Amino acid sequence: MGKRILIVDDTSEILELMRTIFEDEQHTVKVLDKGSETLEAAKTFQPDLIVLDLLMEDKPGLDVLQDLTGDIIVQDTAVILYTASVIEANKAQKLIGSDPKRYSKVTILLKPFALDTLLKLI
């Protein structure tokens, strides 16, 4: 049985690519192009996993992550953060290190990453 996956990225091509890949693997997928809508969508959709871009224009991924992990309804949802920015990945790592219990289900991937690497995390 597939998982419920919420993908959040402000680049439509990436959203559609990931949607296709995950649906081909028999997962149920919802996509969002705005970080600011993630918390409400997560509460409604109740995903098993959130795949979240760190660099988005409307709301940074780290802010979205803090919203998610601070909400009792979705705080235990697994999150994969991804970015091409080493600086953003380092910021995320520092945040995770500041409260390992709160961020215990968060993984960081640096772009470019192999598709197999992403699929193994699911």
N, C-alpha and C. Protein backbone atom coordinates (compact mmCIF):
# COMPACT_ATOMS: atom_id res chain seq x y z
N MET A 1 0.84 -1.18 0.00
CA MET A 1 0.00 0.00 0.00
C MET A 1 0.88 1.24 0.00
N GLY A 2 0.55 2.19 -0.83
CA GLY A 2 1.34 3.40 -0.96
C GLY A 2 1.13 4.36 0.20
N LYS A 3 1.99 5.34 0.25
CA LYS A 3 1.90 6.38 1.28
C LYS A 3 1.22 7.62 0.74
N ARG A 4 0.81 8.45 1.65
CA ARG A 4 0.24 9.76 1.30
C ARG A 4 1.39 10.76 1.40
N ILE A 5 1.67 11.42 0.28
CA ILE A 5 2.82 12.31 0.21
C ILE A 5 2.38 13.71 -0.22
N LEU A 6 2.78 14.70 0.56
CA LEU A 6 2.56 16.10 0.23
C LEU A 6 3.87 16.68 -0.26
N ILE A 7 3.87 17.23 -1.47
CA ILE A 7 5.06 17.83 -2.06
C ILE A 7 4.86 19.33 -2.12
N VAL A 8 5.85 20.09 -1.61
CA VAL A 8 5.74 21.55 -1.58
C VAL A 8 6.97 22.15 -2.25
N ASP A 9 6.73 22.85 -3.36
CA ASP A 9 7.80 23.49 -4.12
C ASP A 9 7.16 24.58 -4.97
N ASP A 10 7.84 25.69 -5.14
CA ASP A 10 7.27 26.76 -5.96
C ASP A 10 7.66 26.67 -7.44
N THR A 11 8.25 25.55 -7.84
CA THR A 11 8.59 25.31 -9.24
C THR A 11 7.68 24.23 -9.79
N SER A 12 6.81 24.60 -10.71
CA SER A 12 5.79 23.67 -11.21
C SER A 12 6.38 22.44 -11.88
N GLU A 13 7.50 22.58 -12.57
CA GLU A 13 8.11 21.43 -13.24
C GLU A 13 8.56 20.37 -12.23
N ILE A 14 9.11 20.81 -11.11
CA ILE A 14 9.54 19.87 -10.07
C ILE A 14 8.33 19.20 -9.43
N LEU A 15 7.28 19.97 -9.19
CA LEU A 15 6.06 19.39 -8.62
C LEU A 15 5.51 18.28 -9.51
N GLU A 16 5.42 18.55 -10.80
CA GLU A 16 4.85 17.57 -11.72
C GLU A 16 5.75 16.35 -11.88
N LEU A 17 7.06 16.57 -11.89
CA LEU A 17 7.99 15.45 -11.98
C LEU A 17 7.87 14.53 -10.76
N MET A 18 7.88 15.15 -9.58
CA MET A 18 7.76 14.35 -8.35
C MET A 18 6.41 13.66 -8.26
N ARG A 19 5.36 14.37 -8.66
CA ARG A 19 4.02 13.76 -8.64
C ARG A 19 4.02 12.49 -9.50
N THR A 20 4.54 12.60 -10.69
CA THR A 20 4.57 11.46 -11.61
C THR A 20 5.38 10.31 -11.02
N ILE A 21 6.54 10.61 -10.50
CA ILE A 21 7.41 9.57 -9.93
C ILE A 21 6.72 8.86 -8.76
N PHE A 22 6.16 9.64 -7.85
CA PHE A 22 5.54 9.03 -6.66
C PHE A 22 4.26 8.29 -7.02
N GLU A 23 3.48 8.82 -7.94
CA GLU A 23 2.26 8.12 -8.35
C GLU A 23 2.60 6.82 -9.07
N ASP A 24 3.68 6.83 -9.84
CA ASP A 24 4.13 5.59 -10.49
C ASP A 24 4.52 4.53 -9.47
N GLU A 25 4.93 4.97 -8.28
CA GLU A 25 5.29 4.06 -7.19
C GLU A 25 4.08 3.73 -6.31
N GLN A 26 2.88 4.09 -6.78
CA GLN A 26 1.61 3.77 -6.12
C GLN A 26 1.34 4.58 -4.85
N HIS A 27 1.90 5.78 -4.77
CA HIS A 27 1.62 6.66 -3.64
C HIS A 27 0.51 7.64 -4.01
N THR A 28 -0.21 8.11 -3.01
CA THR A 28 -1.21 9.15 -3.19
C THR A 28 -0.51 10.48 -2.96
N VAL A 29 -0.65 11.40 -3.92
CA VAL A 29 0.16 12.63 -3.90
C VAL A 29 -0.72 13.86 -3.95
N LYS A 30 -0.33 14.85 -3.16
CA LYS A 30 -0.90 16.19 -3.24
C LYS A 30 0.27 17.14 -3.42
N VAL A 31 0.12 18.13 -4.30
CA VAL A 31 1.18 19.11 -4.52
C VAL A 31 0.71 20.51 -4.15
N LEU A 32 1.67 21.30 -3.66
CA LEU A 32 1.42 22.70 -3.33
C LEU A 32 2.55 23.54 -3.89
N ASP A 33 2.21 24.73 -4.37
CA ASP A 33 3.26 25.63 -4.86
C ASP A 33 3.49 26.82 -3.93
N LYS A 34 2.89 26.77 -2.74
CA LYS A 34 3.06 27.84 -1.76
C LYS A 34 3.35 27.25 -0.39
N GLY A 35 4.47 27.65 0.18
CA GLY A 35 4.82 27.20 1.53
C GLY A 35 3.80 27.64 2.56
N SER A 36 3.22 28.81 2.35
CA SER A 36 2.27 29.36 3.32
C SER A 36 1.01 28.51 3.46
N GLU A 37 0.74 27.64 2.51
CA GLU A 37 -0.46 26.79 2.56
C GLU A 37 -0.18 25.39 3.13
N THR A 38 1.07 25.13 3.48
CA THR A 38 1.48 23.78 3.84
C THR A 38 0.83 23.27 5.12
N LEU A 39 0.82 24.06 6.17
CA LEU A 39 0.29 23.59 7.44
C LEU A 39 -1.17 23.19 7.31
N GLU A 40 -1.99 24.03 6.71
CA GLU A 40 -3.41 23.70 6.56
C GLU A 40 -3.61 22.48 5.68
N ALA A 41 -2.84 22.40 4.60
CA ALA A 41 -2.94 21.25 3.70
C ALA A 41 -2.53 19.97 4.42
N ALA A 42 -1.50 20.05 5.23
CA ALA A 42 -1.04 18.87 5.98
C ALA A 42 -2.11 18.42 6.98
N LYS A 43 -2.76 19.35 7.62
CA LYS A 43 -3.81 18.99 8.58
C LYS A 43 -4.97 18.31 7.86
N THR A 44 -5.31 18.78 6.68
CA THR A 44 -6.44 18.24 5.93
C THR A 44 -6.09 16.91 5.25
N PHE A 45 -4.94 16.87 4.58
CA PHE A 45 -4.52 15.70 3.79
C PHE A 45 -3.96 14.58 4.64
N GLN A 46 -3.40 14.92 5.81
CA GLN A 46 -2.80 13.95 6.73
C GLN A 46 -1.78 13.04 6.03
N PRO A 47 -0.71 13.65 5.47
CA PRO A 47 0.29 12.84 4.76
C PRO A 47 1.14 12.01 5.70
N ASP A 48 1.71 10.94 5.14
CA ASP A 48 2.71 10.16 5.85
C ASP A 48 4.08 10.83 5.74
N LEU A 49 4.23 11.64 4.67
CA LEU A 49 5.51 12.27 4.36
C LEU A 49 5.26 13.60 3.68
N ILE A 50 6.08 14.59 4.05
CA ILE A 50 6.07 15.88 3.36
C ILE A 50 7.44 16.07 2.74
N VAL A 51 7.46 16.34 1.43
CA VAL A 51 8.70 16.62 0.71
C VAL A 51 8.69 18.13 0.45
N LEU A 52 9.65 18.83 1.05
CA LEU A 52 9.59 20.28 1.15
C LEU A 52 10.86 20.95 0.64
N ASP A 53 10.68 21.85 -0.31
CA ASP A 53 11.80 22.66 -0.81
C ASP A 53 12.14 23.72 0.25
N LEU A 54 13.42 23.94 0.48
CA LEU A 54 13.83 24.94 1.46
C LEU A 54 13.74 26.37 0.92
N LEU A 55 13.94 26.55 -0.37
CA LEU A 55 13.95 27.90 -0.95
C LEU A 55 12.67 28.14 -1.74
N MET A 56 11.74 28.84 -1.11
CA MET A 56 10.50 29.23 -1.77
C MET A 56 10.28 30.71 -1.55
N GLU A 57 9.62 31.33 -2.50
CA GLU A 57 9.47 32.78 -2.45
C GLU A 57 8.49 33.26 -1.39
N ASP A 58 7.35 32.58 -1.26
CA ASP A 58 6.31 33.12 -0.37
C ASP A 58 6.59 32.85 1.11
N LYS A 59 7.21 31.70 1.42
CA LYS A 59 7.53 31.37 2.81
C LYS A 59 8.68 30.38 2.80
N PRO A 60 9.78 30.71 3.45
CA PRO A 60 10.94 29.81 3.45
C PRO A 60 10.61 28.45 4.06
N GLY A 61 11.24 27.41 3.52
CA GLY A 61 11.01 26.06 3.98
C GLY A 61 11.27 25.85 5.46
N LEU A 62 12.28 26.54 6.01
CA LEU A 62 12.55 26.39 7.44
C LEU A 62 11.42 26.94 8.29
N ASP A 63 10.79 28.01 7.84
CA ASP A 63 9.63 28.55 8.55
C ASP A 63 8.47 27.55 8.47
N VAL A 64 8.28 26.96 7.30
CA VAL A 64 7.23 25.96 7.13
C VAL A 64 7.50 24.77 8.06
N LEU A 65 8.75 24.33 8.10
CA LEU A 65 9.13 23.21 8.96
C LEU A 65 8.81 23.51 10.42
N GLN A 66 9.14 24.70 10.87
CA GLN A 66 8.85 25.07 12.26
C GLN A 66 7.34 25.08 12.53
N ASP A 67 6.56 25.55 11.56
CA ASP A 67 5.10 25.50 11.70
C ASP A 67 4.62 24.06 11.85
N LEU A 68 5.14 23.19 10.99
CA LEU A 68 4.71 21.79 11.00
C LEU A 68 5.07 21.09 12.30
N THR A 69 6.31 21.25 12.74
CA THR A 69 6.76 20.55 13.94
C THR A 69 6.20 21.17 15.22
N GLY A 70 5.65 22.36 15.10
CA GLY A 70 5.04 23.01 16.25
C GLY A 70 3.55 22.77 16.38
N ASP A 71 2.97 22.05 15.43
CA ASP A 71 1.54 21.79 15.44
C ASP A 71 1.26 20.37 15.91
N ILE A 72 0.44 20.23 16.91
CA ILE A 72 0.20 18.92 17.52
C ILE A 72 -0.39 17.91 16.55
N ILE A 73 -1.13 18.35 15.56
CA ILE A 73 -1.79 17.43 14.63
C ILE A 73 -0.78 16.80 13.66
N VAL A 74 0.19 17.57 13.20
CA VAL A 74 1.11 17.07 12.16
C VAL A 74 2.56 17.00 12.61
N GLN A 75 2.84 17.26 13.87
CA GLN A 75 4.23 17.35 14.34
C GLN A 75 5.04 16.06 14.16
N ASP A 76 4.39 14.93 14.08
CA ASP A 76 5.11 13.66 13.94
C ASP A 76 5.21 13.18 12.49
N THR A 77 4.81 14.01 11.55
CA THR A 77 4.91 13.65 10.13
C THR A 77 6.36 13.72 9.68
N ALA A 78 6.79 12.70 8.94
CA ALA A 78 8.15 12.71 8.40
C ALA A 78 8.27 13.80 7.33
N VAL A 79 9.44 14.45 7.30
CA VAL A 79 9.69 15.54 6.34
C VAL A 79 11.04 15.31 5.68
N ILE A 80 11.05 15.44 4.36
CA ILE A 80 12.30 15.47 3.61
C ILE A 80 12.47 16.89 3.10
N LEU A 81 13.52 17.56 3.56
CA LEU A 81 13.86 18.90 3.07
C LEU A 81 14.85 18.73 1.94
N TYR A 82 14.71 19.53 0.88
CA TYR A 82 15.71 19.46 -0.17
C TYR A 82 16.03 20.86 -0.67
N THR A 83 17.28 21.01 -1.12
CA THR A 83 17.75 22.30 -1.60
C THR A 83 19.04 22.11 -2.39
N ALA A 84 19.32 23.07 -3.23
CA ALA A 84 20.61 23.09 -3.93
C ALA A 84 21.60 23.99 -3.19
N SER A 85 21.11 24.69 -2.18
CA SER A 85 21.93 25.65 -1.44
C SER A 85 22.59 25.00 -0.23
N VAL A 86 23.89 24.96 -0.24
CA VAL A 86 24.63 24.43 0.91
C VAL A 86 24.37 25.31 2.13
N ILE A 87 24.26 26.60 1.92
CA ILE A 87 23.99 27.53 3.03
C ILE A 87 22.65 27.19 3.68
N GLU A 88 21.61 26.96 2.89
CA GLU A 88 20.30 26.61 3.44
C GLU A 88 20.33 25.25 4.13
N ALA A 89 21.06 24.31 3.54
CA ALA A 89 21.18 22.99 4.16
C ALA A 89 21.87 23.10 5.52
N ASN A 90 22.88 23.95 5.61
CA ASN A 90 23.57 24.16 6.89
C ASN A 90 22.65 24.80 7.92
N LYS A 91 21.83 25.76 7.49
CA LYS A 91 20.86 26.38 8.40
C LYS A 91 19.87 25.32 8.91
N ALA A 92 19.43 24.46 8.01
CA ALA A 92 18.49 23.41 8.40
C ALA A 92 19.15 22.44 9.39
N GLN A 93 20.40 22.10 9.12
CA GLN A 93 21.12 21.19 10.01
C GLN A 93 21.28 21.79 11.40
N LYS A 94 21.57 23.08 11.47
CA LYS A 94 21.68 23.76 12.76
C LYS A 94 20.34 23.76 13.50
N LEU A 95 19.26 24.01 12.77
CA LEU A 95 17.94 24.00 13.39
C LEU A 95 17.63 22.61 13.94
N ILE A 96 17.88 21.59 13.16
CA ILE A 96 17.62 20.21 13.59
C ILE A 96 18.48 19.87 14.81
N GLY A 97 19.73 20.29 14.77
CA GLY A 97 20.64 20.04 15.89
C GLY A 97 20.24 20.76 17.16
N SER A 98 19.52 21.88 17.03
CA SER A 98 19.12 22.65 18.20
C SER A 98 18.02 21.96 19.01
N ASP A 99 17.28 21.05 18.38
CA ASP A 99 16.21 20.34 19.06
C ASP A 99 15.99 18.98 18.37
N PRO A 100 16.93 18.05 18.58
CA PRO A 100 16.87 16.76 17.87
C PRO A 100 15.57 15.99 18.07
N LYS A 101 14.95 16.12 19.23
CA LYS A 101 13.69 15.41 19.48
C LYS A 101 12.58 15.97 18.59
N ARG A 102 12.47 17.29 18.54
CA ARG A 102 11.42 17.93 17.74
C ARG A 102 11.59 17.61 16.26
N TYR A 103 12.84 17.54 15.79
CA TYR A 103 13.11 17.35 14.36
C TYR A 103 13.61 15.93 14.05
N SER A 104 13.23 14.98 14.86
CA SER A 104 13.74 13.61 14.70
C SER A 104 13.31 12.94 13.40
N LYS A 105 12.23 13.39 12.79
CA LYS A 105 11.74 12.77 11.56
C LYS A 105 12.05 13.61 10.32
N VAL A 106 13.07 14.47 10.42
CA VAL A 106 13.43 15.35 9.31
C VAL A 106 14.74 14.87 8.68
N THR A 107 14.73 14.79 7.36
CA THR A 107 15.91 14.41 6.58
C THR A 107 16.21 15.53 5.60
N ILE A 108 17.49 15.76 5.34
CA ILE A 108 17.90 16.80 4.39
C ILE A 108 18.57 16.15 3.20
N LEU A 109 18.16 16.57 2.00
CA LEU A 109 18.79 16.12 0.75
C LEU A 109 19.32 17.33 0.00
N LEU A 110 20.55 17.23 -0.47
CA LEU A 110 21.11 18.28 -1.31
C LEU A 110 20.90 17.93 -2.77
N LYS A 111 20.42 18.91 -3.56
CA LYS A 111 20.30 18.73 -5.01
C LYS A 111 21.68 18.89 -5.62
N PRO A 112 21.98 18.21 -6.67
CA PRO A 112 21.15 17.18 -7.27
C PRO A 112 21.28 15.88 -6.47
N PHE A 113 20.20 15.16 -6.39
CA PHE A 113 20.23 13.86 -5.72
C PHE A 113 19.69 12.82 -6.68
N ALA A 114 20.11 11.59 -6.48
CA ALA A 114 19.65 10.49 -7.32
C ALA A 114 18.22 10.15 -6.95
N LEU A 115 17.43 9.84 -7.94
CA LEU A 115 16.05 9.46 -7.72
C LEU A 115 15.95 8.28 -6.76
N ASP A 116 16.85 7.33 -6.91
CA ASP A 116 16.85 6.17 -6.01
C ASP A 116 17.02 6.59 -4.55
N THR A 117 17.84 7.61 -4.31
CA THR A 117 18.06 8.10 -2.95
C THR A 117 16.76 8.62 -2.36
N LEU A 118 16.03 9.38 -3.13
CA LEU A 118 14.75 9.91 -2.67
C LEU A 118 13.75 8.79 -2.42
N LEU A 119 13.65 7.87 -3.35
CA LEU A 119 12.69 6.78 -3.20
C LEU A 119 13.00 5.89 -2.00
N LYS A 120 14.26 5.71 -1.68
CA LYS A 120 14.65 4.90 -0.52
C LYS A 120 14.20 5.55 0.79
N LEU A 121 14.14 6.87 0.80
CA LEU A 121 13.72 7.58 2.01
C LEU A 121 12.23 7.46 2.27
N ILE A 122 11.50 7.11 1.25
CA ILE A 122 10.05 7.00 1.38
C ILE A 122 9.72 5.66 1.99
